[in-house]
Amino acid sequence: MQNQILASNRLKLRAVEPSDIDTLYQWENDPSIWKVSNTLTPYSRFQIEEYVMNVQNDIYSTRQLRLMIVGLSGEIQEKAIGAIDLFEFDPFHLRAGIGILVRSEFRKSGYASEALELLIRYAFNVLNLRQLYSNVTPENTASISLFEKHGFERCGIKKDWIRTGSSWLEEWMFQLIHRYEQIPQSS
């Protein structure tokens, strides 16, 4: 039986496994996402393998948690279609950032929305966080729509935040504050 906090009818969130090494290697070395992941250099397969083999899912010691988005049926059954992260986890101030990546061929299918919903529920009901936030560039309209759909509000603008060659991009901060009556506890 699936952990209902980390699973829906179509997908589940699970810890990183050795079988994810090639997928993570591909994603981490994709220059098109480097600007949002603060990556400047490629990773070797060995580095990815070391990460996977030594990853600890103790969010209280590492201050981050990566979960793979995995399909539950059909062509995507047990296939990693994306990843969703909690980062900058702050157990004192009860907050964390969220980052999400869905493989291009699975975008616009509702998987990111389902994964985000599961992670919100986990963050508020299991980790007892007070707030979640995400940083998004204004041209990433799909991510803006995704976070707004789930109740995140734009709360700030970081001007000239991301350098792209000789120009600079703004980054918008979106925040979801947990109003304890909003997210029902599982029964």
N, C-alpha and C. Protein backbone atom coordinates (compact mmCIF):
# COMPACT_ATOMS: atom_id res chain seq x y z
N MET A 1 0.84 -1.19 0.00
CA MET A 1 0.00 0.00 0.00
C MET A 1 0.88 1.24 0.00
N GLN A 2 0.57 2.21 -0.87
CA GLN A 2 1.35 3.43 -0.99
C GLN A 2 1.13 4.34 0.21
N ASN A 3 2.19 5.07 0.57
CA ASN A 3 2.08 6.12 1.57
C ASN A 3 1.18 7.19 0.97
N GLN A 4 0.02 7.40 1.52
CA GLN A 4 -0.95 8.31 0.93
C GLN A 4 -0.53 9.77 0.97
N ILE A 5 0.40 10.11 1.84
CA ILE A 5 0.88 11.49 1.86
C ILE A 5 1.75 11.76 0.63
N LEU A 6 2.48 10.77 0.19
CA LEU A 6 3.41 10.96 -0.93
C LEU A 6 2.96 10.27 -2.21
N ALA A 7 1.67 10.00 -2.34
CA ALA A 7 1.17 9.34 -3.55
C ALA A 7 -0.22 9.84 -3.91
N SER A 8 -0.48 9.86 -5.20
CA SER A 8 -1.81 10.14 -5.72
C SER A 8 -2.21 8.93 -6.55
N ASN A 9 -3.26 9.04 -7.32
CA ASN A 9 -3.66 7.92 -8.18
C ASN A 9 -2.69 7.71 -9.34
N ARG A 10 -2.01 8.79 -9.77
CA ARG A 10 -1.16 8.70 -10.96
C ARG A 10 0.33 8.69 -10.68
N LEU A 11 0.74 9.18 -9.51
CA LEU A 11 2.17 9.26 -9.26
C LEU A 11 2.49 9.17 -7.78
N LYS A 12 3.78 9.00 -7.52
CA LYS A 12 4.26 9.00 -6.14
C LYS A 12 5.57 9.77 -6.10
N LEU A 13 5.90 10.23 -4.92
CA LEU A 13 7.19 10.85 -4.66
C LEU A 13 7.99 9.85 -3.84
N ARG A 14 9.22 9.58 -4.26
CA ARG A 14 10.04 8.61 -3.54
C ARG A 14 11.47 9.11 -3.45
N ALA A 15 12.23 8.51 -2.56
CA ALA A 15 13.63 8.85 -2.40
C ALA A 15 14.41 8.52 -3.67
N VAL A 16 15.55 9.16 -3.82
CA VAL A 16 16.44 8.90 -4.94
C VAL A 16 17.03 7.50 -4.79
N GLU A 17 17.05 6.74 -5.90
CA GLU A 17 17.56 5.37 -5.93
C GLU A 17 18.75 5.28 -6.89
N PRO A 18 19.59 4.25 -6.76
CA PRO A 18 20.69 4.07 -7.72
C PRO A 18 20.22 4.00 -9.17
N SER A 19 19.02 3.52 -9.40
CA SER A 19 18.51 3.45 -10.77
C SER A 19 18.27 4.84 -11.38
N ASP A 20 18.34 5.89 -10.56
CA ASP A 20 18.13 7.26 -11.04
C ASP A 20 19.41 7.95 -11.50
N ILE A 21 20.55 7.29 -11.36
CA ILE A 21 21.84 7.95 -11.65
C ILE A 21 21.89 8.49 -13.06
N ASP A 22 21.55 7.69 -14.07
CA ASP A 22 21.64 8.16 -15.45
C ASP A 22 20.67 9.31 -15.72
N THR A 23 19.49 9.24 -15.15
CA THR A 23 18.51 10.31 -15.31
C THR A 23 19.01 11.60 -14.68
N LEU A 24 19.50 11.52 -13.45
CA LEU A 24 20.02 12.71 -12.78
C LEU A 24 21.23 13.28 -13.51
N TYR A 25 22.08 12.40 -14.02
CA TYR A 25 23.24 12.83 -14.79
C TYR A 25 22.80 13.66 -16.00
N GLN A 26 21.78 13.19 -16.68
CA GLN A 26 21.26 13.90 -17.84
C GLN A 26 20.69 15.27 -17.43
N TRP A 27 19.85 15.28 -16.37
CA TRP A 27 19.23 16.53 -15.95
C TRP A 27 20.25 17.54 -15.44
N GLU A 28 21.17 17.11 -14.60
CA GLU A 28 22.15 18.02 -14.00
C GLU A 28 23.11 18.60 -15.04
N ASN A 29 23.25 17.95 -16.19
CA ASN A 29 24.15 18.42 -17.23
C ASN A 29 23.43 19.08 -18.40
N ASP A 30 22.17 19.44 -18.19
CA ASP A 30 21.40 20.13 -19.21
C ASP A 30 21.56 21.64 -19.02
N PRO A 31 22.36 22.30 -19.86
CA PRO A 31 22.61 23.74 -19.68
C PRO A 31 21.35 24.60 -19.70
N SER A 32 20.28 24.11 -20.29
CA SER A 32 19.05 24.92 -20.37
C SER A 32 18.42 25.14 -19.00
N ILE A 33 18.76 24.32 -18.01
CA ILE A 33 18.18 24.53 -16.68
C ILE A 33 19.21 25.06 -15.68
N TRP A 34 20.42 25.28 -16.12
CA TRP A 34 21.46 25.74 -15.20
C TRP A 34 21.14 27.08 -14.55
N LYS A 35 20.50 27.97 -15.29
CA LYS A 35 20.24 29.30 -14.72
C LYS A 35 19.29 29.23 -13.53
N VAL A 36 18.40 28.26 -13.51
CA VAL A 36 17.48 28.16 -12.37
C VAL A 36 17.98 27.23 -11.28
N SER A 37 19.02 26.47 -11.58
CA SER A 37 19.56 25.56 -10.56
C SER A 37 20.90 26.05 -10.01
N ASN A 38 21.30 27.25 -10.43
CA ASN A 38 22.57 27.83 -9.98
C ASN A 38 23.76 26.92 -10.27
N THR A 39 23.71 26.23 -11.39
CA THR A 39 24.80 25.35 -11.80
C THR A 39 25.66 26.09 -12.82
N LEU A 40 26.97 26.00 -12.67
CA LEU A 40 27.88 26.65 -13.61
C LEU A 40 28.75 25.69 -14.37
N THR A 41 28.90 24.47 -13.86
CA THR A 41 29.77 23.49 -14.51
C THR A 41 29.06 22.14 -14.57
N PRO A 42 29.43 21.32 -15.52
CA PRO A 42 28.83 19.99 -15.61
C PRO A 42 29.28 19.10 -14.46
N TYR A 43 28.47 18.11 -14.19
CA TYR A 43 28.78 17.09 -13.19
C TYR A 43 29.24 15.83 -13.91
N SER A 44 30.19 15.14 -13.32
CA SER A 44 30.59 13.84 -13.86
C SER A 44 29.59 12.79 -13.41
N ARG A 45 29.56 11.70 -14.14
CA ARG A 45 28.69 10.59 -13.72
C ARG A 45 29.13 10.09 -12.35
N PHE A 46 30.42 10.08 -12.10
CA PHE A 46 30.95 9.65 -10.80
C PHE A 46 30.42 10.55 -9.68
N GLN A 47 30.39 11.86 -9.89
CA GLN A 47 29.86 12.78 -8.87
C GLN A 47 28.39 12.50 -8.59
N ILE A 48 27.62 12.27 -9.63
CA ILE A 48 26.20 11.96 -9.45
C ILE A 48 26.05 10.64 -8.70
N GLU A 49 26.85 9.65 -9.09
CA GLU A 49 26.79 8.35 -8.42
C GLU A 49 27.15 8.49 -6.94
N GLU A 50 28.18 9.26 -6.62
CA GLU A 50 28.57 9.49 -5.23
C GLU A 50 27.44 10.16 -4.46
N TYR A 51 26.80 11.15 -5.09
CA TYR A 51 25.66 11.82 -4.45
C TYR A 51 24.55 10.82 -4.13
N VAL A 52 24.17 10.04 -5.13
CA VAL A 52 23.08 9.09 -4.95
C VAL A 52 23.42 8.04 -3.89
N MET A 53 24.62 7.54 -3.92
CA MET A 53 25.00 6.48 -2.98
C MET A 53 25.16 7.01 -1.56
N ASN A 54 25.39 8.31 -1.41
CA ASN A 54 25.62 8.88 -0.08
C ASN A 54 24.52 9.82 0.39
N VAL A 55 23.47 9.96 -0.42
CA VAL A 55 22.40 10.88 -0.03
C VAL A 55 21.75 10.40 1.27
N GLN A 56 21.51 11.36 2.12
CA GLN A 56 20.82 11.06 3.37
C GLN A 56 19.50 11.82 3.33
N ASN A 57 18.44 11.14 3.60
CA ASN A 57 17.14 11.79 3.56
C ASN A 57 16.76 12.40 4.90
N ASP A 58 17.76 12.73 5.70
CA ASP A 58 17.50 13.41 6.97
C ASP A 58 17.50 14.91 6.71
N ILE A 59 16.34 15.43 6.42
CA ILE A 59 16.21 16.85 6.07
C ILE A 59 16.71 17.75 7.19
N TYR A 60 16.69 17.26 8.43
CA TYR A 60 17.14 18.08 9.55
C TYR A 60 18.65 18.25 9.58
N SER A 61 19.40 17.33 9.01
CA SER A 61 20.85 17.49 8.97
C SER A 61 21.33 18.05 7.65
N THR A 62 20.71 17.69 6.54
CA THR A 62 21.18 18.17 5.23
C THR A 62 20.50 19.47 4.79
N ARG A 63 19.37 19.79 5.39
CA ARG A 63 18.60 20.99 5.08
C ARG A 63 18.01 20.98 3.67
N GLN A 64 17.94 19.77 3.09
CA GLN A 64 17.33 19.64 1.78
C GLN A 64 16.80 18.22 1.61
N LEU A 65 15.89 18.09 0.67
CA LEU A 65 15.32 16.78 0.38
C LEU A 65 14.95 16.74 -1.10
N ARG A 66 15.47 15.76 -1.82
CA ARG A 66 15.10 15.55 -3.21
C ARG A 66 14.25 14.30 -3.27
N LEU A 67 13.10 14.42 -3.92
CA LEU A 67 12.22 13.29 -4.15
C LEU A 67 11.99 13.15 -5.65
N MET A 68 11.99 11.93 -6.12
CA MET A 68 11.74 11.66 -7.53
C MET A 68 10.22 11.56 -7.74
N ILE A 69 9.76 12.10 -8.85
CA ILE A 69 8.36 12.01 -9.25
C ILE A 69 8.26 10.79 -10.16
N VAL A 70 7.49 9.81 -9.73
CA VAL A 70 7.45 8.51 -10.42
C VAL A 70 6.01 8.17 -10.78
N GLY A 71 5.81 7.74 -12.01
CA GLY A 71 4.49 7.33 -12.47
C GLY A 71 4.06 6.01 -11.86
N LEU A 72 2.75 5.80 -11.76
CA LEU A 72 2.23 4.58 -11.15
C LEU A 72 1.54 3.64 -12.12
N SER A 73 1.34 4.06 -13.37
CA SER A 73 0.66 3.15 -14.30
C SER A 73 1.03 3.47 -15.74
N GLY A 74 0.67 2.56 -16.60
CA GLY A 74 0.87 2.75 -18.04
C GLY A 74 2.33 2.88 -18.42
N GLU A 75 2.59 3.71 -19.43
CA GLU A 75 3.95 3.87 -19.96
C GLU A 75 4.92 4.49 -18.95
N ILE A 76 4.41 5.12 -17.91
CA ILE A 76 5.31 5.76 -16.94
C ILE A 76 5.39 4.99 -15.61
N GLN A 77 4.85 3.80 -15.58
CA GLN A 77 4.89 3.02 -14.34
C GLN A 77 6.33 2.83 -13.87
N GLU A 78 6.60 3.27 -12.66
CA GLU A 78 7.91 3.19 -12.01
C GLU A 78 9.00 3.94 -12.76
N LYS A 79 8.61 4.88 -13.63
CA LYS A 79 9.56 5.68 -14.38
C LYS A 79 9.67 7.06 -13.74
N ALA A 80 10.92 7.52 -13.53
CA ALA A 80 11.13 8.86 -12.98
C ALA A 80 10.84 9.89 -14.07
N ILE A 81 9.80 10.66 -13.86
CA ILE A 81 9.41 11.67 -14.84
C ILE A 81 9.82 13.07 -14.39
N GLY A 82 10.35 13.18 -13.17
CA GLY A 82 10.78 14.47 -12.67
C GLY A 82 11.32 14.35 -11.26
N ALA A 83 11.63 15.50 -10.70
CA ALA A 83 12.12 15.56 -9.32
C ALA A 83 11.54 16.81 -8.68
N ILE A 84 11.35 16.74 -7.38
CA ILE A 84 10.87 17.89 -6.63
C ILE A 84 11.71 17.98 -5.36
N ASP A 85 12.16 19.18 -5.08
CA ASP A 85 13.10 19.39 -3.98
C ASP A 85 12.55 20.35 -2.94
N LEU A 86 12.91 20.09 -1.71
CA LEU A 86 12.83 21.08 -0.65
C LEU A 86 14.27 21.51 -0.41
N PHE A 87 14.52 22.80 -0.34
CA PHE A 87 15.87 23.29 -0.10
C PHE A 87 15.81 24.44 0.91
N GLU A 88 16.96 24.78 1.44
CA GLU A 88 17.04 25.82 2.47
C GLU A 88 16.01 25.58 3.57
N PHE A 89 15.86 24.31 3.94
CA PHE A 89 14.94 23.93 5.01
C PHE A 89 15.40 24.60 6.30
N ASP A 90 14.50 25.31 6.94
CA ASP A 90 14.81 26.02 8.17
C ASP A 90 13.85 25.56 9.26
N PRO A 91 14.29 24.61 10.12
CA PRO A 91 13.37 24.08 11.14
C PRO A 91 13.04 25.06 12.24
N PHE A 92 13.82 26.11 12.41
CA PHE A 92 13.49 27.11 13.42
C PHE A 92 12.38 28.03 12.92
N HIS A 93 12.55 28.55 11.70
CA HIS A 93 11.55 29.46 11.14
C HIS A 93 10.45 28.72 10.39
N LEU A 94 10.56 27.40 10.34
CA LEU A 94 9.52 26.53 9.75
C LEU A 94 9.21 26.88 8.30
N ARG A 95 10.28 26.93 7.48
CA ARG A 95 10.08 27.25 6.06
C ARG A 95 11.08 26.48 5.21
N ALA A 96 10.76 26.40 3.93
CA ALA A 96 11.65 25.76 2.95
C ALA A 96 11.29 26.26 1.56
N GLY A 97 12.28 26.22 0.68
CA GLY A 97 12.05 26.53 -0.72
C GLY A 97 11.67 25.27 -1.47
N ILE A 98 11.00 25.45 -2.59
CA ILE A 98 10.60 24.33 -3.45
C ILE A 98 11.15 24.55 -4.85
N GLY A 99 11.72 23.48 -5.41
CA GLY A 99 12.12 23.47 -6.81
C GLY A 99 11.53 22.23 -7.45
N ILE A 100 11.15 22.36 -8.70
CA ILE A 100 10.51 21.22 -9.37
C ILE A 100 10.99 21.16 -10.82
N LEU A 101 11.20 19.94 -11.28
CA LEU A 101 11.59 19.69 -12.66
C LEU A 101 10.79 18.50 -13.16
N VAL A 102 10.15 18.68 -14.30
CA VAL A 102 9.44 17.58 -14.97
C VAL A 102 10.04 17.46 -16.36
N ARG A 103 10.37 16.23 -16.74
CA ARG A 103 10.92 16.00 -18.08
C ARG A 103 10.01 16.60 -19.14
N SER A 104 10.62 17.17 -20.16
CA SER A 104 9.87 17.93 -21.16
C SER A 104 8.72 17.14 -21.78
N GLU A 105 8.92 15.85 -22.03
CA GLU A 105 7.86 15.08 -22.67
C GLU A 105 6.65 14.80 -21.77
N PHE A 106 6.79 15.10 -20.47
CA PHE A 106 5.68 14.88 -19.55
C PHE A 106 5.08 16.18 -19.01
N ARG A 107 5.53 17.31 -19.54
CA ARG A 107 4.98 18.60 -19.12
C ARG A 107 3.59 18.77 -19.71
N LYS A 108 2.83 19.63 -19.10
CA LYS A 108 1.46 19.95 -19.52
C LYS A 108 0.54 18.74 -19.41
N SER A 109 0.86 17.83 -18.48
CA SER A 109 0.02 16.66 -18.23
C SER A 109 -0.51 16.62 -16.81
N GLY A 110 -0.24 17.67 -16.04
CA GLY A 110 -0.73 17.74 -14.67
C GLY A 110 0.18 17.07 -13.64
N TYR A 111 1.29 16.50 -14.08
CA TYR A 111 2.17 15.81 -13.12
C TYR A 111 2.84 16.78 -12.15
N ALA A 112 3.28 17.93 -12.64
CA ALA A 112 3.92 18.91 -11.76
C ALA A 112 2.93 19.39 -10.70
N SER A 113 1.69 19.59 -11.11
CA SER A 113 0.67 20.04 -10.17
C SER A 113 0.40 18.99 -9.09
N GLU A 114 0.28 17.74 -9.50
CA GLU A 114 0.06 16.66 -8.52
C GLU A 114 1.25 16.52 -7.58
N ALA A 115 2.46 16.59 -8.13
CA ALA A 115 3.66 16.46 -7.29
C ALA A 115 3.74 17.62 -6.30
N LEU A 116 3.45 18.82 -6.76
CA LEU A 116 3.47 19.98 -5.87
C LEU A 116 2.42 19.84 -4.77
N GLU A 117 1.24 19.38 -5.12
CA GLU A 117 0.19 19.17 -4.12
C GLU A 117 0.64 18.17 -3.06
N LEU A 118 1.27 17.08 -3.49
CA LEU A 118 1.77 16.08 -2.53
C LEU A 118 2.85 16.67 -1.63
N LEU A 119 3.75 17.44 -2.21
CA LEU A 119 4.84 18.01 -1.42
C LEU A 119 4.32 19.05 -0.43
N ILE A 120 3.35 19.84 -0.84
CA ILE A 120 2.74 20.81 0.08
C ILE A 120 2.12 20.09 1.27
N ARG A 121 1.36 19.04 0.98
CA ARG A 121 0.73 18.28 2.05
C ARG A 121 1.78 17.69 3.00
N TYR A 122 2.84 17.14 2.45
CA TYR A 122 3.93 16.57 3.25
C TYR A 122 4.61 17.66 4.10
N ALA A 123 4.91 18.77 3.47
CA ALA A 123 5.60 19.85 4.17
C ALA A 123 4.77 20.41 5.33
N PHE A 124 3.48 20.57 5.12
CA PHE A 124 2.63 21.15 6.16
C PHE A 124 2.17 20.13 7.19
N ASN A 125 1.84 18.92 6.77
CA ASN A 125 1.27 17.94 7.70
C ASN A 125 2.29 17.03 8.37
N VAL A 126 3.45 16.82 7.74
CA VAL A 126 4.47 15.95 8.33
C VAL A 126 5.61 16.77 8.91
N LEU A 127 6.14 17.70 8.12
CA LEU A 127 7.24 18.53 8.62
C LEU A 127 6.76 19.72 9.45
N ASN A 128 5.45 19.96 9.42
CA ASN A 128 4.83 21.05 10.18
C ASN A 128 5.42 22.42 9.86
N LEU A 129 5.70 22.63 8.57
CA LEU A 129 6.23 23.92 8.15
C LEU A 129 5.14 24.98 8.17
N ARG A 130 5.57 26.20 8.34
CA ARG A 130 4.67 27.35 8.34
C ARG A 130 4.55 27.96 6.94
N GLN A 131 5.65 27.85 6.16
CA GLN A 131 5.59 28.45 4.84
C GLN A 131 6.55 27.78 3.87
N LEU A 132 6.18 27.88 2.60
CA LEU A 132 6.97 27.40 1.48
C LEU A 132 7.16 28.56 0.52
N TYR A 133 8.26 28.54 -0.21
CA TYR A 133 8.48 29.58 -1.19
C TYR A 133 9.15 29.00 -2.43
N SER A 134 9.03 29.75 -3.51
CA SER A 134 9.68 29.36 -4.75
C SER A 134 10.16 30.61 -5.46
N ASN A 135 11.26 30.48 -6.17
CA ASN A 135 11.83 31.58 -6.94
C ASN A 135 11.67 31.26 -8.42
N VAL A 136 11.06 32.18 -9.17
CA VAL A 136 10.73 31.92 -10.57
C VAL A 136 11.04 33.16 -11.40
N THR A 137 11.64 32.95 -12.57
CA THR A 137 11.86 34.09 -13.46
C THR A 137 10.54 34.43 -14.18
N PRO A 138 10.31 35.72 -14.46
CA PRO A 138 9.02 36.13 -15.04
C PRO A 138 8.65 35.45 -16.35
N GLU A 139 9.64 35.04 -17.16
CA GLU A 139 9.29 34.41 -18.43
C GLU A 139 8.86 32.96 -18.27
N ASN A 140 9.02 32.40 -17.08
CA ASN A 140 8.61 31.02 -16.83
C ASN A 140 7.13 31.01 -16.42
N THR A 141 6.29 31.31 -17.39
CA THR A 141 4.86 31.46 -17.11
C THR A 141 4.21 30.16 -16.66
N ALA A 142 4.72 29.02 -17.11
CA ALA A 142 4.15 27.74 -16.69
C ALA A 142 4.36 27.54 -15.18
N SER A 143 5.55 27.85 -14.68
CA SER A 143 5.80 27.71 -13.25
C SER A 143 5.02 28.73 -12.44
N ILE A 144 4.91 29.94 -12.94
CA ILE A 144 4.12 30.96 -12.24
C ILE A 144 2.68 30.49 -12.10
N SER A 145 2.10 30.00 -13.20
CA SER A 145 0.72 29.49 -13.16
C SER A 145 0.60 28.32 -12.18
N LEU A 146 1.58 27.43 -12.20
CA LEU A 146 1.56 26.27 -11.31
C LEU A 146 1.52 26.70 -9.85
N PHE A 147 2.43 27.56 -9.45
CA PHE A 147 2.48 27.97 -8.06
C PHE A 147 1.25 28.80 -7.66
N GLU A 148 0.80 29.68 -8.53
CA GLU A 148 -0.40 30.46 -8.22
C GLU A 148 -1.62 29.56 -8.09
N LYS A 149 -1.71 28.53 -8.91
CA LYS A 149 -2.83 27.58 -8.83
C LYS A 149 -2.90 26.93 -7.45
N HIS A 150 -1.75 26.76 -6.82
CA HIS A 150 -1.69 26.12 -5.52
C HIS A 150 -1.64 27.11 -4.36
N GLY A 151 -2.02 28.36 -4.64
CA GLY A 151 -2.18 29.34 -3.57
C GLY A 151 -0.95 30.17 -3.26
N PHE A 152 0.16 29.97 -3.97
CA PHE A 152 1.34 30.79 -3.75
C PHE A 152 1.06 32.20 -4.26
N GLU A 153 1.54 33.19 -3.53
CA GLU A 153 1.38 34.58 -3.94
C GLU A 153 2.74 35.20 -4.19
N ARG A 154 2.80 36.04 -5.21
CA ARG A 154 4.05 36.75 -5.47
C ARG A 154 4.26 37.76 -4.35
N CYS A 155 5.41 37.68 -3.71
CA CYS A 155 5.64 38.53 -2.55
C CYS A 155 6.91 39.38 -2.69
N GLY A 156 7.64 39.20 -3.77
CA GLY A 156 8.84 40.00 -3.92
C GLY A 156 9.46 39.86 -5.28
N ILE A 157 10.29 40.85 -5.61
CA ILE A 157 11.02 40.85 -6.87
C ILE A 157 12.49 41.08 -6.55
N LYS A 158 13.33 40.18 -7.07
CA LYS A 158 14.77 40.35 -6.95
C LYS A 158 15.25 40.87 -8.30
N LYS A 159 15.64 42.13 -8.34
CA LYS A 159 16.03 42.77 -9.60
C LYS A 159 17.45 42.37 -9.98
N ASP A 160 17.66 42.18 -11.28
CA ASP A 160 18.98 41.82 -11.81
C ASP A 160 19.59 40.67 -11.01
N TRP A 161 18.84 39.63 -10.78
CA TRP A 161 19.23 38.54 -9.89
C TRP A 161 20.01 37.43 -10.59
N ILE A 162 19.63 37.13 -11.82
CA ILE A 162 20.25 36.01 -12.55
C ILE A 162 20.95 36.56 -13.78
N ARG A 163 22.24 36.29 -13.85
CA ARG A 163 23.03 36.76 -14.99
C ARG A 163 22.93 35.74 -16.11
N THR A 164 22.62 36.22 -17.30
CA THR A 164 22.58 35.37 -18.49
C THR A 164 23.47 36.03 -19.53
N GLY A 165 24.72 35.64 -19.56
CA GLY A 165 25.68 36.26 -20.48
C GLY A 165 25.93 37.69 -20.06
N SER A 166 25.55 38.63 -20.92
CA SER A 166 25.77 40.05 -20.61
C SER A 166 24.52 40.75 -20.09
N SER A 167 23.42 40.01 -19.90
CA SER A 167 22.20 40.63 -19.40
C SER A 167 21.79 40.00 -18.06
N TRP A 168 20.77 40.55 -17.48
CA TRP A 168 20.31 40.12 -16.16
C TRP A 168 18.80 39.89 -16.19
N LEU A 169 18.36 38.92 -15.40
CA LEU A 169 16.93 38.61 -15.27
C LEU A 169 16.47 38.91 -13.86
N GLU A 170 15.22 39.31 -13.76
CA GLU A 170 14.58 39.40 -12.45
C GLU A 170 14.23 37.99 -11.99
N GLU A 171 14.03 37.85 -10.70
CA GLU A 171 13.49 36.61 -10.16
C GLU A 171 12.37 37.00 -9.21
N TRP A 172 11.24 36.35 -9.36
CA TRP A 172 10.10 36.64 -8.50
C TRP A 172 10.04 35.59 -7.41
N MET A 173 9.69 36.03 -6.22
CA MET A 173 9.54 35.10 -5.10
C MET A 173 8.05 34.89 -4.84
N PHE A 174 7.67 33.63 -4.76
CA PHE A 174 6.29 33.24 -4.46
C PHE A 174 6.28 32.54 -3.10
N GLN A 175 5.25 32.80 -2.33
CA GLN A 175 5.19 32.28 -0.96
C GLN A 175 3.80 31.72 -0.68
N LEU A 176 3.80 30.61 0.03
CA LEU A 176 2.55 30.01 0.52
C LEU A 176 2.68 29.88 2.02
N ILE A 177 1.84 30.63 2.73
CA ILE A 177 1.85 30.56 4.19
C ILE A 177 0.76 29.59 4.61
N HIS A 178 1.14 28.66 5.47
CA HIS A 178 0.21 27.63 5.93
C HIS A 178 -0.74 28.24 6.96
N ARG A 179 -1.96 28.35 6.57
CA ARG A 179 -3.03 28.72 7.50
C ARG A 179 -3.58 27.38 7.95
N TYR A 180 -3.40 27.01 9.17
CA TYR A 180 -3.61 25.66 9.62
C TYR A 180 -4.98 25.09 9.28
N GLU A 181 -5.95 25.94 9.04
CA GLU A 181 -7.27 25.44 8.66
C GLU A 181 -7.33 25.08 7.18
N GLN A 182 -6.32 25.49 6.35
CA GLN A 182 -6.36 25.26 4.91
C GLN A 182 -6.13 23.81 4.52
N ILE A 183 -5.16 23.15 5.14
CA ILE A 183 -4.75 21.82 4.71
C ILE A 183 -5.32 20.79 5.69
N PRO A 184 -6.33 20.04 5.29
CA PRO A 184 -6.90 19.06 6.21
C PRO A 184 -5.92 17.95 6.52
N GLN A 185 -5.91 17.52 7.77
CA GLN A 185 -5.09 16.39 8.18
C GLN A 185 -5.67 15.11 7.59
N SER A 186 -4.79 14.17 7.28
CA SER A 186 -5.25 12.88 6.78
C SER A 186 -5.96 12.14 7.90
N SER A 187 -6.98 11.39 7.53
CA SER A 187 -7.70 10.63 8.57
C SER A 187 -7.26 9.21 8.62
